[in-house]
Amino acid sequence: MFISGKVLPENVNPLPISFDFPHSYEVKVLESYSLTHPLGKLHHFPAELEEGDRVGAYLRVVPQNGTPWVGFFALGFDSAQVAHGIFSCPDAGSFCVAAGGYAYIVSAAGPQNWEQVNQRPVLEIKSVLHLKLLLFIGFTSITACGETGMQWTTERLSWEGLSIAEIKGEKLSGTGWDALKDKDVAFEVDLRTGKSRGGARP
């Protein structure tokens, strides 16, 4: 049984759209469930909602080769400090929705094929076009999605809080908080493998 939910609050609505990668679909943010087509199938993300009344975003998705559908994407955190938006993925047939720091990667033509990014919350999302990666930056680690899905998650890079300084070639550099030293320390990540050096962790 599907449960209708409330749309995102005004401080995080509408979701910005960032289609940096080529894509084979159209996505539109709906202001309310009443604007959905009566014959269109409604999909929930996550598939089973725990509460009877959840807050989230309604999107209408029109794949280039497939049947249009509507998705309800549940909000993670009611905060402007976490990731919000709709992003194209390195795979032209998939897209990412970040709602309140919860990030979902979904196949436009097959919405039953989806996964939730393990960073909760996701604070920032970055496209790395030359390596065909979509990066999900959390409080302590980074996850990468490529053309074939999730590629890697770094080990913990910080006690609490990451700052990305630069992406150059195949390297990402930044700083993470070291609670023992009471300062930020540098780290570097190989974007091909997710291996890192530097940083701090408990």
N, C-alpha and C. Protein backbone atom coordinates (compact mmCIF):
# COMPACT_ATOMS: atom_id res chain seq x y z
N MET A 1 0.84 -1.19 0.00
CA MET A 1 0.00 0.00 0.00
C MET A 1 0.87 1.24 0.00
N PHE A 2 0.60 2.15 -0.92
CA PHE A 2 1.38 3.38 -0.99
C PHE A 2 0.79 4.42 -0.07
N ILE A 3 1.66 5.22 0.53
CA ILE A 3 1.27 6.26 1.46
C ILE A 3 1.64 7.59 0.85
N SER A 4 0.69 8.49 0.70
CA SER A 4 1.02 9.81 0.18
C SER A 4 1.71 10.61 1.27
N GLY A 5 2.59 11.51 0.88
CA GLY A 5 3.34 12.30 1.86
C GLY A 5 3.25 13.78 1.57
N LYS A 6 3.82 14.56 2.45
CA LYS A 6 3.85 16.00 2.28
C LYS A 6 5.08 16.41 1.47
N VAL A 7 4.95 17.51 0.74
CA VAL A 7 6.08 17.98 -0.05
C VAL A 7 7.11 18.62 0.88
N LEU A 8 8.31 18.81 0.34
CA LEU A 8 9.38 19.41 1.12
C LEU A 8 9.00 20.80 1.62
N PRO A 9 9.48 21.19 2.80
CA PRO A 9 9.22 22.54 3.29
C PRO A 9 9.85 23.59 2.39
N GLU A 10 9.38 24.82 2.52
CA GLU A 10 9.80 25.88 1.61
C GLU A 10 11.29 26.14 1.63
N ASN A 11 11.95 25.90 2.78
CA ASN A 11 13.37 26.22 2.86
C ASN A 11 14.24 25.26 2.04
N VAL A 12 13.66 24.15 1.56
CA VAL A 12 14.45 23.23 0.72
C VAL A 12 13.72 22.90 -0.58
N ASN A 13 12.72 23.66 -0.94
CA ASN A 13 11.92 23.37 -2.13
C ASN A 13 11.85 24.63 -2.99
N PRO A 14 12.03 24.58 -4.30
CA PRO A 14 12.14 23.35 -5.08
C PRO A 14 13.56 22.81 -5.11
N LEU A 15 13.69 21.57 -5.51
CA LEU A 15 15.01 20.96 -5.62
C LEU A 15 15.73 21.52 -6.84
N PRO A 16 16.95 21.99 -6.68
CA PRO A 16 17.71 22.44 -7.85
C PRO A 16 18.10 21.26 -8.73
N ILE A 17 18.19 21.49 -10.03
CA ILE A 17 18.54 20.43 -10.99
C ILE A 17 19.92 20.71 -11.56
N SER A 18 20.78 19.70 -11.52
CA SER A 18 22.14 19.82 -12.04
C SER A 18 22.43 18.61 -12.92
N PHE A 19 22.25 18.79 -14.22
CA PHE A 19 22.48 17.71 -15.17
C PHE A 19 23.81 17.93 -15.89
N ASP A 20 24.90 17.61 -15.21
CA ASP A 20 26.24 17.78 -15.78
C ASP A 20 26.59 16.65 -16.75
N PHE A 21 26.09 15.44 -16.47
CA PHE A 21 26.36 14.29 -17.34
C PHE A 21 25.25 14.17 -18.39
N PRO A 22 25.55 13.60 -19.56
CA PRO A 22 24.51 13.33 -20.55
C PRO A 22 23.44 12.42 -19.95
N HIS A 23 22.17 12.62 -20.34
CA HIS A 23 21.10 11.84 -19.75
C HIS A 23 20.03 11.53 -20.79
N SER A 24 19.25 10.48 -20.53
CA SER A 24 18.23 10.02 -21.48
C SER A 24 16.85 10.02 -20.83
N TYR A 25 16.51 11.10 -20.17
CA TYR A 25 15.24 11.22 -19.47
C TYR A 25 14.96 12.69 -19.16
N GLU A 26 13.75 12.96 -18.73
CA GLU A 26 13.38 14.27 -18.22
C GLU A 26 12.83 14.10 -16.81
N VAL A 27 13.14 15.04 -15.94
CA VAL A 27 12.65 14.99 -14.57
C VAL A 27 12.05 16.34 -14.22
N LYS A 28 10.86 16.32 -13.65
CA LYS A 28 10.18 17.55 -13.25
C LYS A 28 9.74 17.44 -11.80
N VAL A 29 10.00 18.49 -11.02
CA VAL A 29 9.55 18.52 -9.63
C VAL A 29 8.08 18.92 -9.60
N LEU A 30 7.26 18.14 -8.90
CA LEU A 30 5.84 18.44 -8.76
C LEU A 30 5.60 19.14 -7.43
N GLU A 31 4.72 20.12 -7.44
CA GLU A 31 4.45 20.88 -6.22
C GLU A 31 3.58 20.11 -5.24
N SER A 32 2.82 19.16 -5.74
CA SER A 32 1.98 18.37 -4.84
C SER A 32 1.59 17.06 -5.51
N TYR A 33 1.12 16.11 -4.72
CA TYR A 33 0.69 14.82 -5.24
C TYR A 33 -0.53 14.97 -6.15
N SER A 34 -1.32 16.01 -5.94
CA SER A 34 -2.52 16.21 -6.74
C SER A 34 -2.20 16.48 -8.21
N LEU A 35 -0.95 16.85 -8.50
CA LEU A 35 -0.55 17.15 -9.87
C LEU A 35 -0.08 15.90 -10.62
N THR A 36 -0.05 14.76 -9.95
CA THR A 36 0.37 13.54 -10.62
C THR A 36 -0.74 13.01 -11.52
N HIS A 37 -0.34 12.30 -12.56
CA HIS A 37 -1.31 11.73 -13.49
C HIS A 37 -2.03 10.57 -12.81
N PRO A 38 -3.36 10.51 -12.89
CA PRO A 38 -4.10 9.46 -12.18
C PRO A 38 -3.74 8.04 -12.59
N LEU A 39 -3.24 7.87 -13.82
CA LEU A 39 -2.89 6.52 -14.29
C LEU A 39 -1.40 6.21 -14.10
N GLY A 40 -0.64 7.21 -13.69
CA GLY A 40 0.79 7.00 -13.51
C GLY A 40 1.08 6.25 -12.22
N LYS A 41 2.02 5.31 -12.28
CA LYS A 41 2.35 4.53 -11.09
C LYS A 41 3.23 5.35 -10.16
N LEU A 42 2.95 5.28 -8.88
CA LEU A 42 3.71 6.01 -7.87
C LEU A 42 4.69 5.06 -7.20
N HIS A 43 5.97 5.46 -7.18
CA HIS A 43 7.01 4.69 -6.52
C HIS A 43 7.51 5.47 -5.31
N HIS A 44 7.77 4.75 -4.22
CA HIS A 44 8.29 5.37 -3.01
C HIS A 44 9.77 5.03 -2.84
N PHE A 45 10.53 6.01 -2.38
CA PHE A 45 11.95 5.81 -2.08
C PHE A 45 12.22 6.38 -0.69
N PRO A 46 12.56 5.55 0.31
CA PRO A 46 12.68 4.10 0.21
C PRO A 46 11.35 3.42 -0.06
N ALA A 47 11.39 2.16 -0.44
CA ALA A 47 10.19 1.46 -0.90
C ALA A 47 9.14 1.35 0.20
N GLU A 48 9.58 1.20 1.45
CA GLU A 48 8.64 1.09 2.56
C GLU A 48 8.88 2.25 3.52
N LEU A 49 7.86 3.07 3.70
CA LEU A 49 7.96 4.21 4.60
C LEU A 49 7.52 3.79 6.00
N GLU A 50 8.26 4.23 6.98
CA GLU A 50 7.99 3.79 8.35
C GLU A 50 6.81 4.54 8.97
N GLU A 51 6.68 5.83 8.68
CA GLU A 51 5.58 6.58 9.24
C GLU A 51 4.47 6.70 8.21
N GLY A 52 3.26 6.98 8.70
CA GLY A 52 2.12 7.12 7.80
C GLY A 52 2.08 8.44 7.08
N ASP A 53 2.89 9.38 7.48
CA ASP A 53 2.85 10.70 6.86
C ASP A 53 4.27 11.24 6.78
N ARG A 54 4.91 11.10 5.66
CA ARG A 54 6.29 11.51 5.51
C ARG A 54 6.41 12.77 4.66
N VAL A 55 7.52 13.47 4.86
CA VAL A 55 7.82 14.66 4.07
C VAL A 55 8.82 14.28 2.99
N GLY A 56 8.63 14.80 1.78
CA GLY A 56 9.55 14.47 0.72
C GLY A 56 9.24 15.24 -0.55
N ALA A 57 9.78 14.78 -1.67
CA ALA A 57 9.62 15.45 -2.95
C ALA A 57 8.95 14.51 -3.94
N TYR A 58 7.99 15.04 -4.69
CA TYR A 58 7.35 14.31 -5.78
C TYR A 58 8.01 14.71 -7.10
N LEU A 59 8.42 13.72 -7.88
CA LEU A 59 9.03 13.99 -9.17
C LEU A 59 8.31 13.19 -10.24
N ARG A 60 8.13 13.79 -11.40
CA ARG A 60 7.63 13.06 -12.57
C ARG A 60 8.83 12.78 -13.46
N VAL A 61 9.01 11.50 -13.80
CA VAL A 61 10.16 11.06 -14.58
C VAL A 61 9.67 10.53 -15.92
N VAL A 62 10.26 11.05 -17.00
CA VAL A 62 9.90 10.62 -18.35
C VAL A 62 11.16 10.05 -19.02
N PRO A 63 11.33 8.73 -19.01
CA PRO A 63 12.50 8.14 -19.68
C PRO A 63 12.37 8.22 -21.19
N GLN A 64 13.49 8.28 -21.87
CA GLN A 64 13.49 8.35 -23.33
C GLN A 64 12.86 7.10 -23.93
N ASN A 65 13.15 5.95 -23.33
CA ASN A 65 12.57 4.68 -23.78
C ASN A 65 11.93 3.99 -22.59
N GLY A 66 10.69 4.30 -22.34
CA GLY A 66 10.01 3.71 -21.20
C GLY A 66 8.75 4.48 -20.84
N THR A 67 8.08 4.01 -19.81
CA THR A 67 6.82 4.59 -19.38
C THR A 67 7.06 5.65 -18.30
N PRO A 68 6.47 6.84 -18.45
CA PRO A 68 6.61 7.87 -17.40
C PRO A 68 6.07 7.38 -16.07
N TRP A 69 6.62 7.88 -14.99
CA TRP A 69 6.19 7.50 -13.65
C TRP A 69 6.43 8.64 -12.67
N VAL A 70 5.87 8.50 -11.49
CA VAL A 70 6.03 9.51 -10.44
C VAL A 70 6.71 8.87 -9.25
N GLY A 71 7.66 9.58 -8.65
CA GLY A 71 8.35 9.07 -7.48
C GLY A 71 8.20 10.01 -6.30
N PHE A 72 8.03 9.43 -5.12
CA PHE A 72 8.05 10.20 -3.87
C PHE A 72 9.34 9.87 -3.15
N PHE A 73 10.19 10.87 -2.95
CA PHE A 73 11.50 10.68 -2.34
C PHE A 73 11.50 11.27 -0.94
N ALA A 74 11.63 10.39 0.06
CA ALA A 74 11.51 10.81 1.45
C ALA A 74 12.67 11.70 1.88
N LEU A 75 12.34 12.72 2.64
CA LEU A 75 13.32 13.66 3.18
C LEU A 75 14.09 13.00 4.32
N GLY A 76 15.41 13.22 4.33
CA GLY A 76 16.21 12.72 5.44
C GLY A 76 16.17 13.67 6.62
N PHE A 77 16.77 14.86 6.45
CA PHE A 77 16.88 15.85 7.52
C PHE A 77 16.32 17.18 7.03
N ASP A 78 15.56 17.84 7.87
CA ASP A 78 14.99 19.14 7.53
C ASP A 78 16.04 20.21 7.81
N SER A 79 17.01 20.30 6.93
CA SER A 79 18.13 21.22 7.13
C SER A 79 18.63 21.71 5.78
N ALA A 80 18.98 22.98 5.72
CA ALA A 80 19.56 23.54 4.51
C ALA A 80 21.06 23.26 4.43
N GLN A 81 21.64 22.62 5.45
CA GLN A 81 23.07 22.36 5.49
C GLN A 81 23.46 21.02 4.86
N VAL A 82 22.46 20.26 4.41
CA VAL A 82 22.74 18.97 3.78
C VAL A 82 22.36 19.04 2.30
N ALA A 83 22.68 18.00 1.55
CA ALA A 83 22.50 18.03 0.10
C ALA A 83 21.03 17.95 -0.30
N HIS A 84 20.66 18.80 -1.25
CA HIS A 84 19.34 18.79 -1.86
C HIS A 84 19.53 18.97 -3.36
N GLY A 85 18.82 18.23 -4.18
CA GLY A 85 18.92 18.46 -5.61
C GLY A 85 18.68 17.20 -6.42
N ILE A 86 18.64 17.40 -7.73
CA ILE A 86 18.49 16.31 -8.70
C ILE A 86 19.70 16.36 -9.61
N PHE A 87 20.36 15.24 -9.77
CA PHE A 87 21.63 15.19 -10.49
C PHE A 87 21.60 14.07 -11.52
N SER A 88 22.18 14.33 -12.70
CA SER A 88 22.40 13.25 -13.65
C SER A 88 23.58 12.42 -13.17
N CYS A 89 23.61 11.16 -13.55
CA CYS A 89 24.66 10.24 -13.12
C CYS A 89 25.58 9.91 -14.29
N PRO A 90 26.75 9.34 -14.01
CA PRO A 90 27.63 8.90 -15.10
C PRO A 90 26.95 7.94 -16.06
N ASP A 91 26.04 7.11 -15.56
CA ASP A 91 25.19 6.25 -16.39
C ASP A 91 24.05 7.12 -16.92
N ALA A 92 23.96 7.28 -18.23
CA ALA A 92 22.99 8.20 -18.83
C ALA A 92 21.54 7.84 -18.54
N GLY A 93 21.29 6.59 -18.11
CA GLY A 93 19.93 6.17 -17.84
C GLY A 93 19.51 6.30 -16.39
N SER A 94 20.41 6.77 -15.53
CA SER A 94 20.12 6.89 -14.11
C SER A 94 20.24 8.33 -13.65
N PHE A 95 19.53 8.63 -12.56
CA PHE A 95 19.63 9.96 -11.96
C PHE A 95 19.69 9.82 -10.45
N CYS A 96 20.09 10.91 -9.79
CA CYS A 96 20.21 10.92 -8.34
C CYS A 96 19.31 12.01 -7.78
N VAL A 97 18.60 11.68 -6.73
CA VAL A 97 17.80 12.66 -6.00
C VAL A 97 18.34 12.74 -4.58
N ALA A 98 18.69 13.95 -4.14
CA ALA A 98 19.11 14.18 -2.76
C ALA A 98 18.03 15.02 -2.09
N ALA A 99 17.41 14.46 -1.06
CA ALA A 99 16.35 15.15 -0.33
C ALA A 99 16.71 15.14 1.15
N GLY A 100 17.10 16.29 1.64
CA GLY A 100 17.47 16.38 3.05
C GLY A 100 18.64 15.51 3.43
N GLY A 101 19.61 15.38 2.53
CA GLY A 101 20.80 14.60 2.83
C GLY A 101 20.67 13.11 2.57
N TYR A 102 19.48 12.62 2.22
CA TYR A 102 19.31 11.24 1.79
C TYR A 102 19.41 11.22 0.27
N ALA A 103 20.33 10.45 -0.29
CA ALA A 103 20.56 10.42 -1.73
C ALA A 103 20.15 9.07 -2.30
N TYR A 104 19.34 9.12 -3.35
CA TYR A 104 18.83 7.93 -4.01
C TYR A 104 19.30 7.92 -5.46
N ILE A 105 19.80 6.79 -5.94
CA ILE A 105 20.18 6.63 -7.34
C ILE A 105 19.18 5.67 -7.97
N VAL A 106 18.53 6.13 -9.05
CA VAL A 106 17.40 5.40 -9.61
C VAL A 106 17.55 5.27 -11.13
N SER A 107 17.16 4.13 -11.66
CA SER A 107 17.08 3.95 -13.10
C SER A 107 15.81 4.62 -13.61
N ALA A 108 15.95 5.52 -14.57
CA ALA A 108 14.78 6.25 -15.07
C ALA A 108 13.78 5.32 -15.75
N ALA A 109 14.26 4.32 -16.48
CA ALA A 109 13.38 3.41 -17.20
C ALA A 109 12.90 2.25 -16.34
N GLY A 110 13.56 2.01 -15.21
CA GLY A 110 13.18 0.90 -14.33
C GLY A 110 13.29 1.31 -12.88
N PRO A 111 12.34 2.08 -12.36
CA PRO A 111 12.45 2.63 -11.01
C PRO A 111 12.53 1.59 -9.90
N GLN A 112 12.25 0.33 -10.21
CA GLN A 112 12.43 -0.72 -9.22
C GLN A 112 13.91 -0.99 -8.98
N ASN A 113 14.76 -0.50 -9.89
CA ASN A 113 16.21 -0.65 -9.75
C ASN A 113 16.78 0.64 -9.16
N TRP A 114 17.04 0.63 -7.87
CA TRP A 114 17.53 1.83 -7.19
C TRP A 114 18.34 1.43 -5.96
N GLU A 115 19.09 2.36 -5.46
CA GLU A 115 19.81 2.15 -4.21
C GLU A 115 19.99 3.48 -3.49
N GLN A 116 20.12 3.39 -2.18
CA GLN A 116 20.35 4.60 -1.38
C GLN A 116 21.82 4.68 -1.03
N VAL A 117 22.39 5.87 -1.20
CA VAL A 117 23.80 6.09 -0.91
C VAL A 117 24.04 5.91 0.58
N ASN A 118 25.17 5.27 0.94
CA ASN A 118 25.41 4.93 2.34
C ASN A 118 25.81 6.12 3.20
N GLN A 119 26.09 7.26 2.61
CA GLN A 119 26.36 8.47 3.38
C GLN A 119 25.03 9.04 3.87
N ARG A 120 24.85 9.14 5.19
CA ARG A 120 23.60 9.67 5.73
C ARG A 120 23.90 10.54 6.93
N PRO A 121 23.92 11.85 6.74
CA PRO A 121 23.48 12.52 5.52
C PRO A 121 24.62 12.76 4.53
N VAL A 122 24.24 12.98 3.28
CA VAL A 122 25.17 13.51 2.28
C VAL A 122 25.16 15.03 2.43
N LEU A 123 26.34 15.60 2.58
CA LEU A 123 26.44 17.05 2.77
C LEU A 123 26.62 17.79 1.45
N GLU A 124 27.29 17.13 0.51
CA GLU A 124 27.61 17.79 -0.77
C GLU A 124 27.76 16.74 -1.85
N ILE A 125 27.37 17.10 -3.08
CA ILE A 125 27.51 16.20 -4.23
C ILE A 125 28.30 16.91 -5.31
N LYS A 126 29.32 16.25 -5.82
CA LYS A 126 30.17 16.84 -6.85
C LYS A 126 30.27 15.92 -8.06
N SER A 127 30.17 16.51 -9.25
CA SER A 127 30.37 15.78 -10.49
C SER A 127 31.83 15.90 -10.92
N VAL A 128 32.44 14.77 -11.24
CA VAL A 128 33.81 14.76 -11.78
C VAL A 128 33.69 14.24 -13.20
N LEU A 129 33.52 15.13 -14.15
CA LEU A 129 33.17 14.75 -15.51
C LEU A 129 34.27 13.93 -16.19
N HIS A 130 35.52 14.32 -16.01
CA HIS A 130 36.59 13.65 -16.75
C HIS A 130 36.82 12.22 -16.28
N LEU A 131 36.37 11.88 -15.08
CA LEU A 131 36.50 10.51 -14.59
C LEU A 131 35.15 9.79 -14.54
N LYS A 132 34.09 10.49 -14.95
CA LYS A 132 32.73 9.94 -14.93
C LYS A 132 32.37 9.40 -13.54
N LEU A 133 32.49 10.29 -12.55
CA LEU A 133 32.17 9.96 -11.17
C LEU A 133 31.24 11.02 -10.59
N LEU A 134 30.33 10.56 -9.74
CA LEU A 134 29.51 11.45 -8.93
C LEU A 134 29.91 11.18 -7.49
N LEU A 135 30.40 12.23 -6.80
CA LEU A 135 30.93 12.07 -5.45
C LEU A 135 29.91 12.51 -4.41
N PHE A 136 29.78 11.71 -3.36
CA PHE A 136 28.89 12.01 -2.24
C PHE A 136 29.76 12.22 -1.00
N ILE A 137 29.74 13.43 -0.50
CA ILE A 137 30.62 13.81 0.61
C ILE A 137 29.81 13.83 1.90
N GLY A 138 30.24 13.04 2.87
CA GLY A 138 29.58 12.99 4.16
C GLY A 138 30.39 13.70 5.22
N PHE A 139 30.08 13.44 6.48
CA PHE A 139 30.80 14.06 7.58
C PHE A 139 32.21 13.51 7.72
N THR A 140 32.40 12.24 7.41
CA THR A 140 33.70 11.62 7.68
C THR A 140 34.30 10.85 6.50
N SER A 141 33.56 10.62 5.43
CA SER A 141 34.07 9.86 4.30
C SER A 141 33.40 10.29 3.01
N ILE A 142 33.86 9.73 1.90
CA ILE A 142 33.38 10.09 0.57
C ILE A 142 33.04 8.81 -0.18
N THR A 143 31.92 8.81 -0.89
CA THR A 143 31.49 7.68 -1.71
C THR A 143 31.43 8.12 -3.17
N ALA A 144 31.79 7.23 -4.09
CA ALA A 144 31.77 7.54 -5.51
C ALA A 144 30.86 6.60 -6.27
N CYS A 145 30.08 7.18 -7.19
CA CYS A 145 29.23 6.40 -8.11
C CYS A 145 29.78 6.60 -9.52
N GLY A 146 29.91 5.50 -10.26
CA GLY A 146 30.41 5.55 -11.62
C GLY A 146 29.37 5.06 -12.61
N GLU A 147 29.80 4.71 -13.80
CA GLU A 147 28.88 4.27 -14.85
C GLU A 147 28.19 2.95 -14.52
N THR A 148 28.82 2.12 -13.69
CA THR A 148 28.24 0.81 -13.36
C THR A 148 27.71 0.76 -11.94
N GLY A 149 27.51 1.91 -11.31
CA GLY A 149 27.00 1.95 -9.94
C GLY A 149 28.05 2.41 -8.95
N MET A 150 27.85 2.02 -7.69
CA MET A 150 28.78 2.44 -6.64
C MET A 150 30.17 1.85 -6.87
N GLN A 151 31.18 2.69 -6.76
CA GLN A 151 32.55 2.27 -7.04
C GLN A 151 33.36 2.04 -5.76
N TRP A 152 33.27 2.98 -4.83
CA TRP A 152 34.05 2.86 -3.59
C TRP A 152 33.56 3.85 -2.55
N THR A 153 33.95 3.59 -1.30
CA THR A 153 33.80 4.55 -0.20
C THR A 153 35.14 4.61 0.51
N THR A 154 35.62 5.79 0.76
CA THR A 154 36.91 5.93 1.43
C THR A 154 36.81 5.42 2.87
N GLU A 155 37.96 5.20 3.48
CA GLU A 155 37.97 4.98 4.92
C GLU A 155 37.67 6.32 5.59
N ARG A 156 37.52 6.30 6.87
CA ARG A 156 37.20 7.53 7.59
C ARG A 156 38.35 8.53 7.45
N LEU A 157 38.02 9.76 7.05
CA LEU A 157 39.03 10.79 6.79
C LEU A 157 39.06 11.87 7.86
N SER A 158 38.10 11.84 8.77
CA SER A 158 37.96 12.92 9.75
C SER A 158 37.19 12.41 10.96
N TRP A 159 37.42 13.05 12.11
CA TRP A 159 36.59 12.76 13.26
C TRP A 159 35.17 13.28 13.01
N GLU A 160 35.09 14.45 12.42
CA GLU A 160 33.77 15.05 12.16
C GLU A 160 33.95 16.28 11.28
N GLY A 161 33.65 16.15 9.99
CA GLY A 161 33.69 17.30 9.09
C GLY A 161 34.81 17.23 8.07
N LEU A 162 34.44 17.35 6.79
CA LEU A 162 35.40 17.34 5.69
C LEU A 162 35.31 18.65 4.92
N SER A 163 36.43 19.08 4.40
CA SER A 163 36.47 20.24 3.51
C SER A 163 37.24 19.85 2.26
N ILE A 164 36.59 19.95 1.10
CA ILE A 164 37.24 19.60 -0.17
C ILE A 164 37.94 20.84 -0.73
N ALA A 165 39.23 20.71 -0.96
CA ALA A 165 40.01 21.85 -1.44
C ALA A 165 40.13 21.85 -2.96
N GLU A 166 40.40 20.67 -3.56
CA GLU A 166 40.70 20.65 -5.00
C GLU A 166 40.52 19.25 -5.57
N ILE A 167 40.06 19.20 -6.80
CA ILE A 167 40.06 17.96 -7.58
C ILE A 167 40.90 18.24 -8.81
N LYS A 168 42.00 17.52 -8.93
CA LYS A 168 42.93 17.75 -10.04
C LYS A 168 43.38 16.41 -10.58
N GLY A 169 43.10 16.17 -11.86
CA GLY A 169 43.45 14.89 -12.44
C GLY A 169 42.70 13.77 -11.76
N GLU A 170 43.44 12.81 -11.21
CA GLU A 170 42.83 11.67 -10.53
C GLU A 170 42.91 11.80 -9.01
N LYS A 171 43.24 13.00 -8.52
CA LYS A 171 43.41 13.19 -7.08
C LYS A 171 42.42 14.21 -6.53
N LEU A 172 41.89 13.92 -5.34
CA LEU A 172 41.07 14.87 -4.59
C LEU A 172 41.83 15.21 -3.31
N SER A 173 41.94 16.48 -2.99
CA SER A 173 42.62 16.87 -1.76
C SER A 173 41.67 17.68 -0.89
N GLY A 174 41.88 17.59 0.40
CA GLY A 174 41.04 18.33 1.34
C GLY A 174 41.59 18.23 2.74
N THR A 175 40.77 18.62 3.71
CA THR A 175 41.17 18.55 5.10
C THR A 175 40.06 17.94 5.94
N GLY A 176 40.45 17.29 7.03
CA GLY A 176 39.51 16.70 7.96
C GLY A 176 39.89 17.05 9.38
N TRP A 177 38.91 17.06 10.26
CA TRP A 177 39.14 17.47 11.65
C TRP A 177 39.79 16.36 12.46
N ASP A 178 40.89 16.73 13.14
CA ASP A 178 41.57 15.83 14.05
C ASP A 178 41.30 16.31 15.47
N ALA A 179 40.45 15.58 16.20
CA ALA A 179 40.06 16.02 17.53
C ALA A 179 41.22 15.97 18.52
N LEU A 180 42.13 15.01 18.36
CA LEU A 180 43.26 14.91 19.29
C LEU A 180 44.22 16.08 19.14
N LYS A 181 44.45 16.51 17.90
CA LYS A 181 45.35 17.63 17.65
C LYS A 181 44.63 18.97 17.67
N ASP A 182 43.28 18.90 17.69
CA ASP A 182 42.45 20.11 17.70
C ASP A 182 42.74 21.01 16.50
N LYS A 183 42.81 20.39 15.32
CA LYS A 183 43.05 21.15 14.10
C LYS A 183 42.66 20.32 12.89
N ASP A 184 42.54 20.97 11.73
CA ASP A 184 42.29 20.28 10.47
C ASP A 184 43.60 19.73 9.93
N VAL A 185 43.55 18.52 9.39
CA VAL A 185 44.74 17.90 8.80
C VAL A 185 44.42 17.52 7.35
N ALA A 186 45.44 17.53 6.52
CA ALA A 186 45.25 17.30 5.09
C ALA A 186 45.06 15.82 4.78
N PHE A 187 44.32 15.55 3.70
CA PHE A 187 44.21 14.20 3.18
C PHE A 187 44.16 14.26 1.66
N GLU A 188 44.39 13.11 1.03
CA GLU A 188 44.35 13.00 -0.43
C GLU A 188 43.68 11.68 -0.79
N VAL A 189 42.82 11.71 -1.80
CA VAL A 189 42.11 10.51 -2.23
C VAL A 189 42.40 10.24 -3.70
N ASP A 190 42.74 8.99 -4.01
CA ASP A 190 42.89 8.56 -5.39
C ASP A 190 41.48 8.28 -5.93
N LEU A 191 41.01 9.08 -6.87
CA LEU A 191 39.64 8.97 -7.35
C LEU A 191 39.39 7.73 -8.19
N ARG A 192 40.41 7.06 -8.62
CA ARG A 192 40.23 5.81 -9.36
C ARG A 192 39.90 4.65 -8.42
N THR A 193 40.47 4.69 -7.22
CA THR A 193 40.35 3.54 -6.32
C THR A 193 39.66 3.85 -5.00
N GLY A 194 39.63 5.10 -4.60
CA GLY A 194 39.10 5.47 -3.29
C GLY A 194 40.11 5.34 -2.18
N LYS A 195 41.33 4.91 -2.50
CA LYS A 195 42.37 4.82 -1.48
C LYS A 195 42.80 6.21 -1.05
N SER A 196 43.11 6.34 0.23
CA SER A 196 43.45 7.68 0.76
C SER A 196 44.72 7.63 1.58
N ARG A 197 45.27 8.81 1.81
CA ARG A 197 46.37 8.94 2.75
C ARG A 197 46.18 10.27 3.49
N GLY A 198 46.66 10.30 4.73
CA GLY A 198 46.45 11.49 5.56
C GLY A 198 45.09 11.42 6.25
N GLY A 199 44.60 12.59 6.64
CA GLY A 199 43.33 12.65 7.34
C GLY A 199 43.47 12.25 8.80
N ALA A 200 42.33 12.05 9.47
CA ALA A 200 42.33 11.69 10.89
C ALA A 200 41.10 10.85 11.19
N ARG A 201 41.22 10.00 12.20
CA ARG A 201 40.10 9.16 12.58
C ARG A 201 40.28 8.72 14.03
N PRO A 202 39.20 8.41 14.71
CA PRO A 202 39.31 7.94 16.10
C PRO A 202 40.12 6.66 16.20
